[in-house]
Amino acid sequence: MSAAGIFQISVRTPIGEQNGQLTVVPDGGRFSGSLTGDLGAQQIADGSFAGDSIAWRMDVTTPMKLSLDCEATVTGDILTGTVKAGFLGSFPMNGTRLG
């Protein structure tokens, strides 16, 4: 899985830019991990991948309770994608692999 590792990511949201570290850990044909950042720590749920593309879900409670559906493509050490936040819409996500 080329997306394995730790990425420093940034998501542009209505409440400002949110930054964090996304950890992607291969687990058979899926992946697990977490996102630790400005709004705390969330565990990845339903992590899946196909080639360079990854997708996962996270449930957050700050600043409000939401389920986030995330999709990204990893090209080398660069991650680009979107975070869909329910009725709030979708927001761009960018990141760089650390290390």
PDB file of N, CA and C in Angstrom:
ATOM      1  N   MET A   1       0.852  -1.183   0.000  1.00  0.00           N
ATOM      2  CA  MET A   1       0.000   0.000   0.000  1.00  0.00           C
ATOM      3  C   MET A   1       0.890   1.236   0.000  1.00  0.00           C
ATOM      4  N   SER A   2       0.880   1.993  -1.074  1.00  0.00           N
ATOM      5  CA  SER A   2       1.744   3.168  -1.192  1.00  0.00           C
ATOM      6  C   SER A   2       1.318   4.317  -0.282  1.00  0.00           C
ATOM      7  N   ALA A   3       0.112   4.256   0.265  1.00  0.00           N
ATOM      8  CA  ALA A   3      -0.371   5.340   1.124  1.00  0.00           C
ATOM      9  C   ALA A   3      -0.021   5.127   2.593  1.00  0.00           C
ATOM     10  N   ALA A   4       0.663   4.045   2.935  1.00  0.00           N
ATOM     11  CA  ALA A   4       1.005   3.792   4.334  1.00  0.00           C
ATOM     12  C   ALA A   4       1.954   4.867   4.841  1.00  0.00           C
ATOM     13  N   GLY A   5       1.765   5.273   6.088  1.00  0.00           N
ATOM     14  CA  GLY A   5       2.660   6.241   6.694  1.00  0.00           C
ATOM     15  C   GLY A   5       1.925   7.314   7.461  1.00  0.00           C
ATOM     16  N   ILE A   6       2.649   8.380   7.754  1.00  0.00           N
ATOM     17  CA  ILE A   6       2.107   9.523   8.490  1.00  0.00           C
ATOM     18  C   ILE A   6       2.183  10.743   7.585  1.00  0.00           C
ATOM     19  N   PHE A   7       1.069  11.452   7.467  1.00  0.00           N
ATOM     20  CA  PHE A   7       0.974  12.626   6.623  1.00  0.00           C
ATOM     21  C   PHE A   7       0.609  13.841   7.455  1.00  0.00           C
ATOM     22  N   GLN A   8       1.268  14.950   7.201  1.00  0.00           N
ATOM     23  CA  GLN A   8       0.862  16.235   7.766  1.00  0.00           C
ATOM     24  C   GLN A   8      -0.185  16.779   6.807  1.00  0.00           C
ATOM     25  N   ILE A   9      -1.432  16.938   7.287  1.00  0.00           N
ATOM     26  CA  ILE A   9      -2.502  17.353   6.385  1.00  0.00           C
ATOM     27  C   ILE A   9      -3.125  18.675   6.824  1.00  0.00           C
ATOM     28  N   SER A  10      -3.814  19.280   5.860  1.00  0.00           N
ATOM     29  CA  SER A  10      -4.526  20.525   6.094  1.00  0.00           C
ATOM     30  C   SER A  10      -5.854  20.454   5.349  1.00  0.00           C
ATOM     31  N   VAL A  11      -6.929  20.856   6.032  1.00  0.00           N
ATOM     32  CA  VAL A  11      -8.264  20.878   5.438  1.00  0.00           C
ATOM     33  C   VAL A  11      -8.814  22.290   5.601  1.00  0.00           C
ATOM     34  N   ARG A  12      -9.270  22.893   4.489  1.00  0.00           N
ATOM     35  CA  ARG A  12      -9.866  24.240   4.545  1.00  0.00           C
ATOM     36  C   ARG A  12     -11.358  24.103   4.832  1.00  0.00           C
ATOM     37  N   THR A  13     -11.805  24.604   5.991  1.00  0.00           N
ATOM     38  CA  THR A  13     -13.187  24.465   6.436  1.00  0.00           C
ATOM     39  C   THR A  13     -13.792  25.842   6.705  1.00  0.00           C
ATOM     40  N   PRO A  14     -15.117  25.905   6.918  1.00  0.00           N
ATOM     41  CA  PRO A  14     -15.751  27.192   7.253  1.00  0.00           C
ATOM     42  C   PRO A  14     -15.243  27.791   8.565  1.00  0.00           C
ATOM     43  N   ILE A  15     -14.688  26.980   9.461  1.00  0.00           N
ATOM     44  CA  ILE A  15     -14.171  27.518  10.724  1.00  0.00           C
ATOM     45  C   ILE A  15     -12.662  27.740  10.656  1.00  0.00           C
ATOM     46  N   GLY A  16     -12.119  27.736   9.456  1.00  0.00           N
ATOM     47  CA  GLY A  16     -10.688  27.975   9.270  1.00  0.00           C
ATOM     48  C   GLY A  16      -9.942  26.710   8.875  1.00  0.00           C
ATOM     49  N   GLU A  17      -8.673  26.876   8.620  1.00  0.00           N
ATOM     50  CA  GLU A  17      -7.823  25.750   8.234  1.00  0.00           C
ATOM     51  C   GLU A  17      -7.598  24.840   9.432  1.00  0.00           C
ATOM     52  N   GLN A  18      -7.824  23.554   9.231  1.00  0.00           N
ATOM     53  CA  GLN A  18      -7.620  22.559  10.279  1.00  0.00           C
ATOM     54  C   GLN A  18      -6.417  21.704   9.890  1.00  0.00           C
ATOM     55  N   ASN A  19      -5.469  21.560  10.799  1.00  0.00           N
ATOM     56  CA  ASN A  19      -4.234  20.833  10.535  1.00  0.00           C
ATOM     57  C   ASN A  19      -4.130  19.618  11.433  1.00  0.00           C
ATOM     58  N   GLY A  20      -3.420  18.607  10.968  1.00  0.00           N
ATOM     59  CA  GLY A  20      -3.235  17.430  11.783  1.00  0.00           C
ATOM     60  C   GLY A  20      -2.308  16.423  11.147  1.00  0.00           C
ATOM     61  N   GLN A  21      -2.119  15.327  11.857  1.00  0.00           N
ATOM     62  CA  GLN A  21      -1.320  14.222  11.367  1.00  0.00           C
ATOM     63  C   GLN A  21      -2.225  13.014  11.149  1.00  0.00           C
ATOM     64  N   LEU A  22      -2.256  12.563   9.906  1.00  0.00           N
ATOM     65  CA  LEU A  22      -3.037  11.396   9.519  1.00  0.00           C
ATOM     66  C   LEU A  22      -2.109  10.199   9.491  1.00  0.00           C
ATOM     67  N   THR A  23      -2.435   9.170  10.265  1.00  0.00           N
ATOM     68  CA  THR A  23      -1.660   7.940  10.291  1.00  0.00           C
ATOM     69  C   THR A  23      -2.441   6.862   9.562  1.00  0.00           C
ATOM     70  N   VAL A  24      -1.810   6.260   8.539  1.00  0.00           N
ATOM     71  CA  VAL A  24      -2.424   5.218   7.715  1.00  0.00           C
ATOM     72  C   VAL A  24      -1.646   3.926   7.936  1.00  0.00           C
ATOM     73  N   VAL A  25      -2.325   2.903   8.494  1.00  0.00           N
ATOM     74  CA  VAL A  25      -1.687   1.630   8.827  1.00  0.00           C
ATOM     75  C   VAL A  25      -2.379   0.510   8.045  1.00  0.00           C
ATOM     76  N   PRO A  26      -1.660  -0.145   7.092  1.00  0.00           N
ATOM     77  CA  PRO A  26      -2.271  -1.244   6.343  1.00  0.00           C
ATOM     78  C   PRO A  26      -2.738  -2.357   7.282  1.00  0.00           C
ATOM     79  N   ASP A  27      -3.877  -2.943   6.957  1.00  0.00           N
ATOM     80  CA  ASP A  27      -4.451  -4.020   7.768  1.00  0.00           C
ATOM     81  C   ASP A  27      -5.140  -4.995   6.812  1.00  0.00           C
ATOM     82  N   GLY A  28      -4.346  -5.881   6.199  1.00  0.00           N
ATOM     83  CA  GLY A  28      -4.893  -6.779   5.182  1.00  0.00           C
ATOM     84  C   GLY A  28      -5.262  -5.970   3.951  1.00  0.00           C
ATOM     85  N   GLY A  29      -6.473  -6.109   3.476  1.00  0.00           N
ATOM     86  CA  GLY A  29      -6.938  -5.371   2.313  1.00  0.00           C
ATOM     87  C   GLY A  29      -7.561  -4.037   2.663  1.00  0.00           C
ATOM     88  N   ARG A  30      -7.428  -3.612   3.896  1.00  0.00           N
ATOM     89  CA  ARG A  30      -8.012  -2.342   4.349  1.00  0.00           C
ATOM     90  C   ARG A  30      -6.919  -1.557   5.077  1.00  0.00           C
ATOM     91  N   PHE A  31      -7.291  -0.488   5.761  1.00  0.00           N
ATOM     92  CA  PHE A  31      -6.321   0.199   6.616  1.00  0.00           C
ATOM     93  C   PHE A  31      -7.027   0.773   7.834  1.00  0.00           C
ATOM     94  N   SER A  32      -6.245   0.961   8.887  1.00  0.00           N
ATOM     95  CA  SER A  32      -6.725   1.603  10.103  1.00  0.00           C
ATOM     96  C   SER A  32      -5.823   2.795  10.355  1.00  0.00           C
ATOM     97  N   GLY A  33      -6.072   3.508  11.421  1.00  0.00           N
ATOM     98  CA  GLY A  33      -5.241   4.648  11.749  1.00  0.00           C
ATOM     99  C   GLY A  33      -6.005   5.704  12.508  1.00  0.00           C
ATOM    100  N   SER A  34      -5.468   6.920  12.482  1.00  0.00           N
ATOM    101  CA  SER A  34      -6.083   8.011  13.233  1.00  0.00           C
ATOM    102  C   SER A  34      -5.705   9.350  12.621  1.00  0.00           C
ATOM    103  N   LEU A  35      -6.415  10.373  13.049  1.00  0.00           N
ATOM    104  CA  LEU A  35      -6.091  11.754  12.712  1.00  0.00           C
ATOM    105  C   LEU A  35      -6.020  12.512  14.028  1.00  0.00           C
ATOM    106  N   THR A  36      -4.868  13.086  14.305  1.00  0.00           N
ATOM    107  CA  THR A  36      -4.671  13.885  15.506  1.00  0.00           C
ATOM    108  C   THR A  36      -4.350  15.305  15.068  1.00  0.00           C
ATOM    109  N   GLY A  37      -5.142  16.261  15.567  1.00  0.00           N
ATOM    110  CA  GLY A  37      -4.914  17.620  15.105  1.00  0.00           C
ATOM    111  C   GLY A  37      -5.564  18.678  15.949  1.00  0.00           C
ATOM    112  N   ASP A  38      -5.868  19.798  15.278  1.00  0.00           N
ATOM    113  CA  ASP A  38      -6.407  20.977  15.947  1.00  0.00           C
ATOM    114  C   ASP A  38      -7.661  20.688  16.773  1.00  0.00           C
ATOM    115  N   LEU A  39      -8.495  19.756  16.318  1.00  0.00           N
ATOM    116  CA  LEU A  39      -9.767  19.482  17.007  1.00  0.00           C
ATOM    117  C   LEU A  39      -9.740  18.184  17.811  1.00  0.00           C
ATOM    118  N   GLY A  40      -8.541  17.690  18.132  1.00  0.00           N
ATOM    119  CA  GLY A  40      -8.432  16.474  18.935  1.00  0.00           C
ATOM    120  C   GLY A  40      -8.013  15.279  18.103  1.00  0.00           C
ATOM    121  N   ALA A  41      -8.356  14.091  18.593  1.00  0.00           N
ATOM    122  CA  ALA A  41      -7.966  12.845  17.920  1.00  0.00           C
ATOM    123  C   ALA A  41      -9.205  12.050  17.537  1.00  0.00           C
ATOM    124  N   GLN A  42      -9.192  11.527  16.314  1.00  0.00           N
ATOM    125  CA  GLN A  42     -10.278  10.693  15.822  1.00  0.00           C
ATOM    126  C   GLN A  42      -9.687   9.420  15.225  1.00  0.00           C
ATOM    127  N   GLN A  43     -10.398   8.323  15.406  1.00  0.00           N
ATOM    128  CA  GLN A  43      -9.997   7.054  14.812  1.00  0.00           C
ATOM    129  C   GLN A  43     -10.611   6.928  13.419  1.00  0.00           C
ATOM    130  N   ILE A  44      -9.862   6.338  12.518  1.00  0.00           N
ATOM    131  CA  ILE A  44     -10.364   6.056  11.177  1.00  0.00           C
ATOM    132  C   ILE A  44     -11.296   4.858  11.255  1.00  0.00           C
ATOM    133  N   ALA A  45     -12.407   4.952  10.532  1.00  0.00           N
ATOM    134  CA  ALA A  45     -13.338   3.828  10.407  1.00  0.00           C
ATOM    135  C   ALA A  45     -13.484   3.505   8.921  1.00  0.00           C
ATOM    136  N   ASP A  46     -13.689   2.241   8.610  1.00  0.00           N
ATOM    137  CA  ASP A  46     -13.959   1.808   7.241  1.00  0.00           C
ATOM    138  C   ASP A  46     -12.871   2.228   6.260  1.00  0.00           C
ATOM    139  N   GLY A  47     -11.606   2.170   6.650  1.00  0.00           N
ATOM    140  CA  GLY A  47     -10.509   2.540   5.767  1.00  0.00           C
ATOM    141  C   GLY A  47     -10.350   1.535   4.635  1.00  0.00           C
ATOM    142  N   SER A  48     -10.352   2.013   3.408  1.00  0.00           N
ATOM    143  CA  SER A  48     -10.177   1.136   2.253  1.00  0.00           C
ATOM    144  C   SER A  48      -9.239   1.806   1.259  1.00  0.00           C
ATOM    145  N   PHE A  49      -8.668   1.003   0.371  1.00  0.00           N
ATOM    146  CA  PHE A  49      -7.798   1.564  -0.645  1.00  0.00           C
ATOM    147  C   PHE A  49      -7.909   0.769  -1.932  1.00  0.00           C
ATOM    148  N   ALA A  50      -7.629   1.459  -3.023  1.00  0.00           N
ATOM    149  CA  ALA A  50      -7.587   0.856  -4.353  1.00  0.00           C
ATOM    150  C   ALA A  50      -6.520   1.600  -5.138  1.00  0.00           C
ATOM    151  N   GLY A  51      -5.399   0.954  -5.383  1.00  0.00           N
ATOM    152  CA  GLY A  51      -4.299   1.621  -6.063  1.00  0.00           C
ATOM    153  C   GLY A  51      -3.793   2.781  -5.242  1.00  0.00           C
ATOM    154  N   ASP A  52      -3.801   3.986  -5.825  1.00  0.00           N
ATOM    155  CA  ASP A  52      -3.322   5.195  -5.145  1.00  0.00           C
ATOM    156  C   ASP A  52      -4.404   5.883  -4.330  1.00  0.00           C
ATOM    157  N   SER A  53      -5.639   5.389  -4.397  1.00  0.00           N
ATOM    158  CA  SER A  53      -6.769   6.058  -3.738  1.00  0.00           C
ATOM    159  C   SER A  53      -7.096   5.413  -2.400  1.00  0.00           C
ATOM    160  N   ILE A  54      -7.399   6.255  -1.412  1.00  0.00           N
ATOM    161  CA  ILE A  54      -7.831   5.780  -0.103  1.00  0.00           C
ATOM    162  C   ILE A  54      -9.130   6.485   0.271  1.00  0.00           C
ATOM    163  N   ALA A  55      -9.911   5.822   1.103  1.00  0.00           N
ATOM    164  CA  ALA A  55     -11.174   6.388   1.585  1.00  0.00           C
ATOM    165  C   ALA A  55     -11.390   5.926   3.020  1.00  0.00           C
ATOM    166  N   TRP A  56     -11.997   6.793   3.830  1.00  0.00           N
ATOM    167  CA  TRP A  56     -12.282   6.441   5.215  1.00  0.00           C
ATOM    168  C   TRP A  56     -13.363   7.353   5.770  1.00  0.00           C
ATOM    169  N   ARG A  57     -13.832   7.003   6.953  1.00  0.00           N
ATOM    170  CA  ARG A  57     -14.851   7.780   7.651  1.00  0.00           C
ATOM    171  C   ARG A  57     -14.339   8.088   9.044  1.00  0.00           C
ATOM    172  N   MET A  58     -14.699   9.247   9.551  1.00  0.00           N
ATOM    173  CA  MET A  58     -14.381   9.625  10.927  1.00  0.00           C
ATOM    174  C   MET A  58     -15.601  10.292  11.531  1.00  0.00           C
ATOM    175  N   ASP A  59     -15.831  10.057  12.802  1.00  0.00           N
ATOM    176  CA  ASP A  59     -16.904  10.716  13.530  1.00  0.00           C
ATOM    177  C   ASP A  59     -16.273  11.732  14.471  1.00  0.00           C
ATOM    178  N   VAL A  60     -16.706  12.992  14.359  1.00  0.00           N
ATOM    179  CA  VAL A  60     -16.170  14.051  15.211  1.00  0.00           C
ATOM    180  C   VAL A  60     -17.284  14.622  16.087  1.00  0.00           C
ATOM    181  N   THR A  61     -16.887  15.210  17.198  1.00  0.00           N
ATOM    182  CA  THR A  61     -17.855  15.842  18.093  1.00  0.00           C
ATOM    183  C   THR A  61     -17.573  17.329  18.281  1.00  0.00           C
ATOM    184  N   THR A  62     -16.404  17.796  17.794  1.00  0.00           N
ATOM    185  CA  THR A  62     -16.022  19.197  17.921  1.00  0.00           C
ATOM    186  C   THR A  62     -15.811  19.781  16.538  1.00  0.00           C
ATOM    187  N   PRO A  63     -16.335  20.890  16.180  1.00  0.00           N
ATOM    188  CA  PRO A  63     -17.147  21.798  16.980  1.00  0.00           C
ATOM    189  C   PRO A  63     -18.601  21.351  17.075  1.00  0.00           C
ATOM    190  N   MET A  64     -18.993  20.327  16.277  1.00  0.00           N
ATOM    191  CA  MET A  64     -20.325  19.743  16.367  1.00  0.00           C
ATOM    192  C   MET A  64     -20.223  18.276  15.970  1.00  0.00           C
ATOM    193  N   LYS A  65     -21.236  17.514  16.286  1.00  0.00           N
ATOM    194  CA  LYS A  65     -21.233  16.097  15.958  1.00  0.00           C
ATOM    195  C   LYS A  65     -21.489  15.915  14.458  1.00  0.00           C
ATOM    196  N   LEU A  66     -20.524  15.280  13.772  1.00  0.00           N
ATOM    197  CA  LEU A  66     -20.609  15.040  12.334  1.00  0.00           C
ATOM    198  C   LEU A  66     -19.896  13.754  11.970  1.00  0.00           C
ATOM    199  N   SER A  67     -20.353  13.127  10.905  1.00  0.00           N
ATOM    200  CA  SER A  67     -19.602  12.042  10.278  1.00  0.00           C
ATOM    201  C   SER A  67     -18.908  12.644   9.069  1.00  0.00           C
ATOM    202  N   LEU A  68     -17.616  12.405   8.956  1.00  0.00           N
ATOM    203  CA  LEU A  68     -16.827  12.918   7.848  1.00  0.00           C
ATOM    204  C   LEU A  68     -16.479  11.769   6.914  1.00  0.00           C
ATOM    205  N   ASP A  69     -16.765  11.936   5.639  1.00  0.00           N
ATOM    206  CA  ASP A  69     -16.391  10.957   4.621  1.00  0.00           C
ATOM    207  C   ASP A  69     -15.213  11.537   3.862  1.00  0.00           C
ATOM    208  N   CYS A  70     -14.093  10.827   3.897  1.00  0.00           N
ATOM    209  CA  CYS A  70     -12.845  11.346   3.350  1.00  0.00           C
ATOM    210  C   CYS A  70     -12.363  10.479   2.194  1.00  0.00           C
ATOM    211  N   GLU A  71     -11.846  11.127   1.161  1.00  0.00           N
ATOM    212  CA  GLU A  71     -11.255  10.445   0.013  1.00  0.00           C
ATOM    213  C   GLU A  71      -9.991  11.179  -0.362  1.00  0.00           C
ATOM    214  N   ALA A  72      -8.951  10.425  -0.736  1.00  0.00           N
ATOM    215  CA  ALA A  72      -7.696  11.065  -1.130  1.00  0.00           C
ATOM    216  C   ALA A  72      -6.937  10.175  -2.102  1.00  0.00           C
ATOM    217  N   THR A  73      -6.057  10.813  -2.835  1.00  0.00           N
ATOM    218  CA  THR A  73      -5.116  10.123  -3.713  1.00  0.00           C
ATOM    219  C   THR A  73      -3.724  10.440  -3.214  1.00  0.00           C
ATOM    220  N   VAL A  74      -2.879   9.416  -3.150  1.00  0.00           N
ATOM    221  CA  VAL A  74      -1.495   9.599  -2.730  1.00  0.00           C
ATOM    222  C   VAL A  74      -0.604   9.376  -3.949  1.00  0.00           C
ATOM    223  N   THR A  75       0.158  10.422  -4.293  1.00  0.00           N
ATOM    224  CA  THR A  75       1.112  10.344  -5.397  1.00  0.00           C
ATOM    225  C   THR A  75       2.484  10.641  -4.822  1.00  0.00           C
ATOM    226  N   GLY A  76       3.305   9.613  -4.712  1.00  0.00           N
ATOM    227  CA  GLY A  76       4.601   9.781  -4.045  1.00  0.00           C
ATOM    228  C   GLY A  76       4.370  10.119  -2.593  1.00  0.00           C
ATOM    229  N   ASP A  77       4.818  11.300  -2.184  1.00  0.00           N
ATOM    230  CA  ASP A  77       4.645  11.744  -0.794  1.00  0.00           C
ATOM    231  C   ASP A  77       3.573  12.822  -0.647  1.00  0.00           C
ATOM    232  N   ILE A  78       2.766  13.040  -1.702  1.00  0.00           N
ATOM    233  CA  ILE A  78       1.745  14.084  -1.698  1.00  0.00           C
ATOM    234  C   ILE A  78       0.351  13.467  -1.637  1.00  0.00           C
ATOM    235  N   LEU A  79      -0.475  13.961  -0.722  1.00  0.00           N
ATOM    236  CA  LEU A  79      -1.854  13.513  -0.558  1.00  0.00           C
ATOM    237  C   LEU A  79      -2.774  14.668  -0.949  1.00  0.00           C
ATOM    238  N   THR A  80      -3.761  14.396  -1.810  1.00  0.00           N
ATOM    239  CA  THR A  80      -4.771  15.396  -2.159  1.00  0.00           C
ATOM    240  C   THR A  80      -6.136  14.726  -2.123  1.00  0.00           C
ATOM    241  N   GLY A  81      -7.137  15.440  -1.650  1.00  0.00           N
ATOM    242  CA  GLY A  81      -8.463  14.850  -1.589  1.00  0.00           C
ATOM    243  C   GLY A  81      -9.500  15.804  -1.055  1.00  0.00           C
ATOM    244  N   THR A  82     -10.593  15.210  -0.576  1.00  0.00           N
ATOM    245  CA  THR A  82     -11.701  15.991  -0.042  1.00  0.00           C
ATOM    246  C   THR A  82     -12.238  15.355   1.240  1.00  0.00           C
ATOM    247  N   VAL A  83     -12.835  16.197   2.056  1.00  0.00           N
ATOM    248  CA  VAL A  83     -13.537  15.770   3.262  1.00  0.00           C
ATOM    249  C   VAL A  83     -14.976  16.245   3.102  1.00  0.00           C
ATOM    250  N   LYS A  84     -15.911  15.306   3.084  1.00  0.00           N
ATOM    251  CA  LYS A  84     -17.327  15.655   2.997  1.00  0.00           C
ATOM    252  C   LYS A  84     -17.895  15.657   4.412  1.00  0.00           C
ATOM    253  N   ALA A  85     -18.453  16.813   4.799  1.00  0.00           N
ATOM    254  CA  ALA A  85     -18.942  17.008   6.161  1.00  0.00           C
ATOM    255  C   ALA A  85     -20.457  17.176   6.169  1.00  0.00           C
ATOM    256  N   GLY A  86     -21.162  16.151   5.726  1.00  0.00           N
ATOM    257  CA  GLY A  86     -22.623  16.182   5.749  1.00  0.00           C
ATOM    258  C   GLY A  86     -23.205  17.402   5.078  1.00  0.00           C
ATOM    259  N   PHE A  87     -24.149  18.057   5.755  1.00  0.00           N
ATOM    260  CA  PHE A  87     -24.853  19.215   5.206  1.00  0.00           C
ATOM    261  C   PHE A  87     -23.942  20.431   5.009  1.00  0.00           C
ATOM    262  N   LEU A  88     -22.727  20.408   5.562  1.00  0.00           N
ATOM    263  CA  LEU A  88     -21.800  21.531   5.414  1.00  0.00           C
ATOM    264  C   LEU A  88     -21.066  21.520   4.072  1.00  0.00           C
ATOM    265  N   GLY A  89     -21.128  20.406   3.354  1.00  0.00           N
ATOM    266  CA  GLY A  89     -20.467  20.322   2.055  1.00  0.00           C
ATOM    267  C   GLY A  89     -19.117  19.642   2.112  1.00  0.00           C
ATOM    268  N   SER A  90     -18.339  19.814   1.045  1.00  0.00           N
ATOM    269  CA  SER A  90     -17.023  19.186   0.911  1.00  0.00           C
ATOM    270  C   SER A  90     -15.930  20.238   0.969  1.00  0.00           C
ATOM    271  N   PHE A  91     -14.784  19.841   1.520  1.00  0.00           N
ATOM    272  CA  PHE A  91     -13.664  20.744   1.710  1.00  0.00           C
ATOM    273  C   PHE A  91     -12.384  20.109   1.192  1.00  0.00           C
ATOM    274  N   PRO A  92     -11.481  20.902   0.591  1.00  0.00           N
ATOM    275  CA  PRO A  92     -10.234  20.352   0.069  1.00  0.00           C
ATOM    276  C   PRO A  92      -9.267  19.964   1.183  1.00  0.00           C
ATOM    277  N   MET A  93      -8.565  18.854   0.931  1.00  0.00           N
ATOM    278  CA  MET A  93      -7.564  18.349   1.869  1.00  0.00           C
ATOM    279  C   MET A  93      -6.256  18.158   1.115  1.00  0.00           C
ATOM    280  N   ASN A  94      -5.160  18.591   1.702  1.00  0.00           N
ATOM    281  CA  ASN A  94      -3.821  18.420   1.131  1.00  0.00           C
ATOM    282  C   ASN A  94      -2.873  17.958   2.218  1.00  0.00           C
ATOM    283  N   GLY A  95      -1.862  17.191   1.828  1.00  0.00           N
ATOM    284  CA  GLY A  95      -0.910  16.742   2.819  1.00  0.00           C
ATOM    285  C   GLY A  95       0.395  16.285   2.214  1.00  0.00           C
ATOM    286  N   THR A  96       1.385  16.114   3.098  1.00  0.00           N
ATOM    287  CA  THR A  96       2.705  15.649   2.722  1.00  0.00           C
ATOM    288  C   THR A  96       3.124  14.568   3.702  1.00  0.00           C
ATOM    289  N   ARG A  97       3.694  13.483   3.148  1.00  0.00           N
ATOM    290  CA  ARG A  97       4.172  12.390   4.003  1.00  0.00           C
ATOM    291  C   ARG A  97       5.360  12.886   4.828  1.00  0.00           C
ATOM    292  N   LEU A  98       5.375  12.540   6.111  1.00  0.00           N
ATOM    293  CA  LEU A  98       6.474  12.903   6.993  1.00  0.00           C
ATOM    294  C   LEU A  98       7.532  11.804   6.960  1.00  0.00           C
ATOM    295  N   GLY A  99       8.772  12.186   7.123  1.00  0.00           N
ATOM    296  CA  GLY A  99       9.853  11.208   7.207  1.00  0.00           C
ATOM    297  C   GLY A  99      10.312  10.736   5.941  1.00  0.00           C
TER     298      GLY A  99
END
